[in-house]
Amino acid sequence: VQLQACGGGLVQAGASLRLACHISGIQKDYYLIGWYRQGAGKEQEAVSCISASDGSTYYADAVKGRFTISRDSAKNIMYLQMNSLKPGDTAVYYCKAVTPNHYWGQGTLVTVSS
């Protein structure tokens, strides 16, 4: 399983970005896919995930109402639409798949200036 994240960049507070994670080699019986982030000097945290079994989603409290996770199963791409970005969202964002083995993509940097 390989994951390739892209879409990060430098934006001003209030702007939007959409991250994409291209996933290859994953079987349909994976457990979940999701986005994690790690800011400078901070612990890694789960941002949002999708369960493969029922499509249920999880959002961290800090991003609820602003971020939306989605997947294009036909293209094996997972997205994270990020709206109303805040400086606190500045972090390296990683995509992850659990099959149940854990696979990580390389990070994509999101920088939000005030």
N, C-alpha and C. Protein backbone atom coordinates (compact mmCIF):
# COMPACT_ATOMS: atom_id res chain seq x y z
N VAL A 1 0.85 -1.19 0.00
CA VAL A 1 0.00 0.00 0.00
C VAL A 1 0.88 1.23 0.00
N GLN A 2 0.58 2.14 -0.89
CA GLN A 2 1.33 3.39 -0.96
C GLN A 2 0.36 4.56 -0.93
N LEU A 3 0.75 5.61 -0.23
CA LEU A 3 -0.08 6.80 -0.13
C LEU A 3 0.76 8.02 -0.52
N GLN A 4 0.17 8.89 -1.28
CA GLN A 4 0.86 10.09 -1.75
C GLN A 4 -0.04 11.29 -1.48
N ALA A 5 0.38 12.14 -0.56
CA ALA A 5 -0.40 13.31 -0.21
C ALA A 5 0.09 14.54 -0.95
N CYS A 6 -0.83 15.42 -1.26
CA CYS A 6 -0.46 16.66 -1.92
C CYS A 6 -1.53 17.71 -1.62
N GLY A 7 -1.24 18.95 -1.97
CA GLY A 7 -2.22 20.01 -1.83
C GLY A 7 -1.91 21.04 -0.76
N GLY A 8 -0.85 20.83 0.00
CA GLY A 8 -0.51 21.80 1.02
C GLY A 8 0.00 23.10 0.41
N GLY A 9 0.17 24.08 1.27
CA GLY A 9 0.67 25.36 0.79
C GLY A 9 0.60 26.42 1.86
N LEU A 10 0.91 27.63 1.47
CA LEU A 10 0.88 28.79 2.37
C LEU A 10 -0.35 29.63 2.03
N VAL A 11 -1.20 29.81 3.02
CA VAL A 11 -2.42 30.60 2.82
C VAL A 11 -2.61 31.54 4.00
N GLN A 12 -3.48 32.51 3.80
CA GLN A 12 -3.82 33.42 4.90
C GLN A 12 -4.99 32.85 5.70
N ALA A 13 -5.10 33.30 6.91
CA ALA A 13 -6.20 32.87 7.75
C ALA A 13 -7.53 33.16 7.05
N GLY A 14 -8.44 32.21 7.14
CA GLY A 14 -9.73 32.35 6.50
C GLY A 14 -9.82 31.71 5.14
N ALA A 15 -8.68 31.36 4.58
CA ALA A 15 -8.66 30.76 3.25
C ALA A 15 -9.00 29.27 3.32
N SER A 16 -9.05 28.67 2.14
CA SER A 16 -9.36 27.24 2.03
C SER A 16 -8.25 26.52 1.27
N LEU A 17 -8.12 25.26 1.56
CA LEU A 17 -7.21 24.37 0.85
C LEU A 17 -7.88 23.02 0.75
N ARG A 18 -7.54 22.27 -0.29
CA ARG A 18 -7.98 20.89 -0.38
C ARG A 18 -6.77 19.98 -0.53
N LEU A 19 -6.62 19.09 0.43
CA LEU A 19 -5.58 18.09 0.37
C LEU A 19 -6.11 16.85 -0.33
N ALA A 20 -5.24 16.18 -1.03
CA ALA A 20 -5.60 14.92 -1.68
C ALA A 20 -4.58 13.86 -1.31
N CYS A 21 -5.04 12.64 -1.17
CA CYS A 21 -4.17 11.51 -0.88
C CYS A 21 -4.48 10.42 -1.89
N HIS A 22 -3.50 10.14 -2.74
CA HIS A 22 -3.66 9.09 -3.73
C HIS A 22 -3.20 7.77 -3.10
N ILE A 23 -4.09 6.79 -3.10
CA ILE A 23 -3.81 5.53 -2.43
C ILE A 23 -3.75 4.42 -3.48
N SER A 24 -2.67 3.65 -3.44
CA SER A 24 -2.53 2.54 -4.38
C SER A 24 -2.26 1.25 -3.63
N GLY A 25 -2.69 0.15 -4.17
CA GLY A 25 -2.41 -1.15 -3.60
C GLY A 25 -3.30 -1.53 -2.44
N ILE A 26 -4.32 -0.74 -2.15
CA ILE A 26 -5.17 -1.04 -1.00
C ILE A 26 -6.33 -1.92 -1.43
N GLN A 27 -6.66 -2.89 -0.57
CA GLN A 27 -7.77 -3.77 -0.84
C GLN A 27 -9.05 -3.15 -0.29
N LYS A 28 -10.17 -3.67 -0.73
CA LYS A 28 -11.45 -3.10 -0.32
C LYS A 28 -11.78 -3.38 1.13
N ASP A 29 -11.07 -4.34 1.75
CA ASP A 29 -11.40 -4.67 3.14
C ASP A 29 -10.51 -3.92 4.13
N TYR A 30 -10.02 -2.73 3.73
CA TYR A 30 -9.23 -1.95 4.69
C TYR A 30 -10.12 -1.47 5.82
N TYR A 31 -9.52 -1.05 6.91
CA TYR A 31 -10.30 -0.64 8.08
C TYR A 31 -10.69 0.83 8.01
N LEU A 32 -9.73 1.67 7.82
CA LEU A 32 -10.03 3.09 7.73
C LEU A 32 -8.92 3.82 7.00
N ILE A 33 -9.27 5.00 6.54
CA ILE A 33 -8.30 5.92 5.98
C ILE A 33 -8.53 7.27 6.64
N GLY A 34 -7.48 8.05 6.75
CA GLY A 34 -7.67 9.30 7.44
C GLY A 34 -6.50 10.25 7.32
N TRP A 35 -6.69 11.39 7.93
CA TRP A 35 -5.69 12.46 7.94
C TRP A 35 -5.23 12.73 9.37
N TYR A 36 -3.94 12.93 9.51
CA TYR A 36 -3.33 13.27 10.78
C TYR A 36 -2.47 14.50 10.54
N ARG A 37 -2.13 15.17 11.62
CA ARG A 37 -1.26 16.33 11.46
C ARG A 37 -0.34 16.46 12.66
N GLN A 38 0.77 17.14 12.42
CA GLN A 38 1.72 17.41 13.50
C GLN A 38 2.28 18.79 13.30
N GLY A 39 1.97 19.67 14.24
CA GLY A 39 2.53 21.01 14.23
C GLY A 39 3.88 21.03 14.90
N ALA A 40 4.62 22.07 14.67
CA ALA A 40 5.95 22.20 15.26
C ALA A 40 5.85 22.17 16.78
N GLY A 41 6.60 21.28 17.39
CA GLY A 41 6.60 21.17 18.83
C GLY A 41 5.36 20.55 19.44
N LYS A 42 4.50 20.00 18.58
CA LYS A 42 3.25 19.40 19.06
C LYS A 42 3.23 17.91 18.77
N GLU A 43 2.37 17.22 19.49
CA GLU A 43 2.19 15.80 19.22
C GLU A 43 1.31 15.61 17.98
N GLN A 44 1.50 14.48 17.36
CA GLN A 44 0.66 14.17 16.22
C GLN A 44 -0.77 13.95 16.67
N GLU A 45 -1.72 14.42 15.87
CA GLU A 45 -3.12 14.24 16.24
C GLU A 45 -3.93 13.79 15.03
N ALA A 46 -4.96 13.04 15.30
CA ALA A 46 -5.88 12.64 14.25
C ALA A 46 -6.78 13.81 13.91
N VAL A 47 -6.89 14.11 12.64
CA VAL A 47 -7.72 15.21 12.18
C VAL A 47 -9.09 14.70 11.76
N SER A 48 -9.10 13.70 10.90
CA SER A 48 -10.36 13.18 10.38
C SER A 48 -10.12 11.80 9.77
N CYS A 49 -11.10 10.92 9.94
CA CYS A 49 -10.99 9.57 9.40
C CYS A 49 -12.32 9.11 8.82
N ILE A 50 -12.24 8.15 7.93
CA ILE A 50 -13.42 7.49 7.37
C ILE A 50 -13.31 6.01 7.61
N SER A 51 -14.36 5.43 8.15
CA SER A 51 -14.41 3.98 8.34
C SER A 51 -14.78 3.31 7.02
N ALA A 52 -14.07 2.25 6.69
CA ALA A 52 -14.37 1.54 5.45
C ALA A 52 -15.68 0.77 5.56
N SER A 53 -16.02 0.31 6.75
CA SER A 53 -17.18 -0.57 6.92
C SER A 53 -18.50 0.15 6.65
N ASP A 54 -18.62 1.36 7.17
CA ASP A 54 -19.91 2.03 7.03
C ASP A 54 -19.80 3.47 6.56
N GLY A 55 -18.58 3.92 6.27
CA GLY A 55 -18.41 5.28 5.80
C GLY A 55 -18.56 6.33 6.87
N SER A 56 -18.66 5.89 8.12
CA SER A 56 -18.78 6.88 9.19
C SER A 56 -17.50 7.69 9.29
N THR A 57 -17.64 8.90 9.77
CA THR A 57 -16.49 9.80 9.82
C THR A 57 -16.22 10.29 11.23
N TYR A 58 -15.00 10.67 11.43
CA TYR A 58 -14.55 11.24 12.70
C TYR A 58 -13.86 12.57 12.38
N TYR A 59 -14.14 13.55 13.23
CA TYR A 59 -13.45 14.84 13.13
C TYR A 59 -12.96 15.24 14.51
N ALA A 60 -11.76 15.74 14.55
CA ALA A 60 -11.27 16.32 15.79
C ALA A 60 -12.11 17.56 16.11
N ASP A 61 -12.29 17.81 17.38
CA ASP A 61 -13.11 18.96 17.79
C ASP A 61 -12.60 20.27 17.16
N ALA A 62 -11.29 20.37 17.02
CA ALA A 62 -10.70 21.62 16.52
C ALA A 62 -11.06 21.91 15.07
N VAL A 63 -11.51 20.90 14.33
CA VAL A 63 -11.77 21.11 12.90
C VAL A 63 -13.23 20.89 12.52
N LYS A 64 -14.05 20.47 13.48
CA LYS A 64 -15.46 20.23 13.18
C LYS A 64 -16.12 21.48 12.62
N GLY A 65 -16.88 21.28 11.56
CA GLY A 65 -17.57 22.40 10.94
C GLY A 65 -16.73 23.16 9.94
N ARG A 66 -15.43 22.89 9.90
CA ARG A 66 -14.54 23.59 8.96
C ARG A 66 -13.91 22.64 7.94
N PHE A 67 -13.63 21.43 8.36
CA PHE A 67 -12.98 20.45 7.49
C PHE A 67 -13.98 19.37 7.08
N THR A 68 -13.81 18.86 5.88
CA THR A 68 -14.65 17.78 5.39
C THR A 68 -13.79 16.72 4.72
N ILE A 69 -13.93 15.50 5.17
CA ILE A 69 -13.20 14.38 4.58
C ILE A 69 -14.11 13.68 3.58
N SER A 70 -13.53 13.23 2.49
CA SER A 70 -14.30 12.49 1.50
C SER A 70 -13.38 11.53 0.76
N ARG A 71 -13.98 10.64 0.02
CA ARG A 71 -13.18 9.68 -0.75
C ARG A 71 -13.84 9.43 -2.09
N ASP A 72 -13.00 9.25 -3.07
CA ASP A 72 -13.45 8.84 -4.39
C ASP A 72 -12.97 7.40 -4.55
N SER A 73 -13.86 6.46 -4.27
CA SER A 73 -13.46 5.06 -4.27
C SER A 73 -13.02 4.58 -5.65
N ALA A 74 -13.61 5.13 -6.69
CA ALA A 74 -13.26 4.71 -8.04
C ALA A 74 -11.81 5.09 -8.38
N LYS A 75 -11.39 6.24 -7.88
CA LYS A 75 -10.05 6.72 -8.18
C LYS A 75 -9.06 6.46 -7.04
N ASN A 76 -9.56 5.91 -5.92
CA ASN A 76 -8.71 5.67 -4.74
C ASN A 76 -8.02 6.96 -4.29
N ILE A 77 -8.80 7.99 -4.17
CA ILE A 77 -8.28 9.26 -3.68
C ILE A 77 -9.11 9.69 -2.48
N MET A 78 -8.45 10.13 -1.46
CA MET A 78 -9.10 10.69 -0.27
C MET A 78 -8.80 12.17 -0.22
N TYR A 79 -9.80 12.94 0.13
CA TYR A 79 -9.64 14.39 0.17
C TYR A 79 -9.87 14.93 1.58
N LEU A 80 -9.30 16.07 1.83
CA LEU A 80 -9.62 16.82 3.04
C LEU A 80 -9.83 18.26 2.62
N GLN A 81 -11.08 18.68 2.59
CA GLN A 81 -11.41 20.07 2.28
C GLN A 81 -11.30 20.87 3.56
N MET A 82 -10.45 21.86 3.56
CA MET A 82 -10.20 22.66 4.75
C MET A 82 -10.65 24.09 4.49
N ASN A 83 -11.66 24.52 5.20
CA ASN A 83 -12.17 25.88 5.06
C ASN A 83 -11.90 26.68 6.34
N SER A 84 -11.99 27.98 6.21
CA SER A 84 -11.80 28.88 7.36
C SER A 84 -10.54 28.52 8.14
N LEU A 85 -9.46 28.38 7.42
CA LEU A 85 -8.22 27.96 8.06
C LEU A 85 -7.74 28.98 9.08
N LYS A 86 -7.14 28.46 10.12
CA LYS A 86 -6.62 29.27 11.22
C LYS A 86 -5.12 29.03 11.36
N PRO A 87 -4.40 29.97 11.95
CA PRO A 87 -2.96 29.73 12.17
C PRO A 87 -2.70 28.45 12.96
N GLY A 88 -3.61 28.09 13.83
CA GLY A 88 -3.46 26.86 14.60
C GLY A 88 -3.55 25.60 13.77
N ASP A 89 -3.99 25.73 12.52
CA ASP A 89 -4.04 24.57 11.63
C ASP A 89 -2.70 24.32 10.96
N THR A 90 -1.75 25.20 11.16
CA THR A 90 -0.42 25.04 10.57
C THR A 90 0.20 23.75 11.06
N ALA A 91 0.57 22.89 10.14
CA ALA A 91 1.12 21.58 10.50
C ALA A 91 1.51 20.84 9.22
N VAL A 92 2.23 19.77 9.43
CA VAL A 92 2.43 18.81 8.34
C VAL A 92 1.28 17.82 8.42
N TYR A 93 0.60 17.65 7.33
CA TYR A 93 -0.56 16.76 7.27
C TYR A 93 -0.16 15.45 6.57
N TYR A 94 -0.56 14.35 7.21
CA TYR A 94 -0.23 13.03 6.71
C TYR A 94 -1.52 12.26 6.45
N CYS A 95 -1.52 11.43 5.41
CA CYS A 95 -2.63 10.52 5.23
C CYS A 95 -2.19 9.13 5.67
N LYS A 96 -3.16 8.36 6.10
CA LYS A 96 -2.88 7.06 6.69
C LYS A 96 -3.96 6.08 6.28
N ALA A 97 -3.55 4.82 6.10
CA ALA A 97 -4.50 3.75 5.85
C ALA A 97 -4.22 2.63 6.83
N VAL A 98 -5.26 2.03 7.34
CA VAL A 98 -5.15 0.90 8.27
C VAL A 98 -5.83 -0.29 7.64
N THR A 99 -5.10 -1.40 7.51
CA THR A 99 -5.60 -2.52 6.72
C THR A 99 -5.75 -3.88 7.38
N PRO A 100 -5.30 -4.29 8.53
CA PRO A 100 -4.98 -3.51 9.72
C PRO A 100 -3.54 -3.02 9.86
N ASN A 101 -2.67 -3.38 8.96
CA ASN A 101 -1.34 -2.76 9.03
C ASN A 101 -1.49 -1.25 8.82
N HIS A 102 -0.55 -0.52 9.35
CA HIS A 102 -0.62 0.94 9.25
C HIS A 102 0.32 1.42 8.15
N TYR A 103 -0.21 2.19 7.25
CA TYR A 103 0.59 2.76 6.17
C TYR A 103 0.45 4.27 6.17
N TRP A 104 1.56 4.94 5.99
CA TRP A 104 1.58 6.40 6.03
C TRP A 104 2.07 6.96 4.69
N GLY A 105 1.49 8.08 4.31
CA GLY A 105 2.02 8.82 3.18
C GLY A 105 3.03 9.83 3.68
N GLN A 106 3.75 10.43 2.78
CA GLN A 106 4.65 11.50 3.19
C GLN A 106 3.80 12.71 3.53
N GLY A 107 4.30 13.60 4.28
CA GLY A 107 3.51 14.74 4.72
C GLY A 107 3.44 15.84 3.68
N THR A 108 2.43 16.65 3.83
CA THR A 108 2.31 17.86 3.02
C THR A 108 2.11 19.02 3.98
N LEU A 109 2.89 20.06 3.81
CA LEU A 109 2.92 21.16 4.77
C LEU A 109 1.82 22.17 4.47
N VAL A 110 1.07 22.48 5.51
CA VAL A 110 0.06 23.53 5.44
C VAL A 110 0.49 24.64 6.39
N THR A 111 0.64 25.83 5.87
CA THR A 111 1.03 26.98 6.67
C THR A 111 -0.05 28.05 6.54
N VAL A 112 -0.60 28.45 7.67
CA VAL A 112 -1.65 29.46 7.68
C VAL A 112 -1.13 30.69 8.40
N SER A 113 -1.04 31.79 7.67
CA SER A 113 -0.53 33.03 8.26
C SER A 113 -1.69 33.88 8.78
N SER A 114 -1.39 34.64 9.80
CA SER A 114 -2.43 35.48 10.42
C SER A 114 -2.52 36.84 9.75
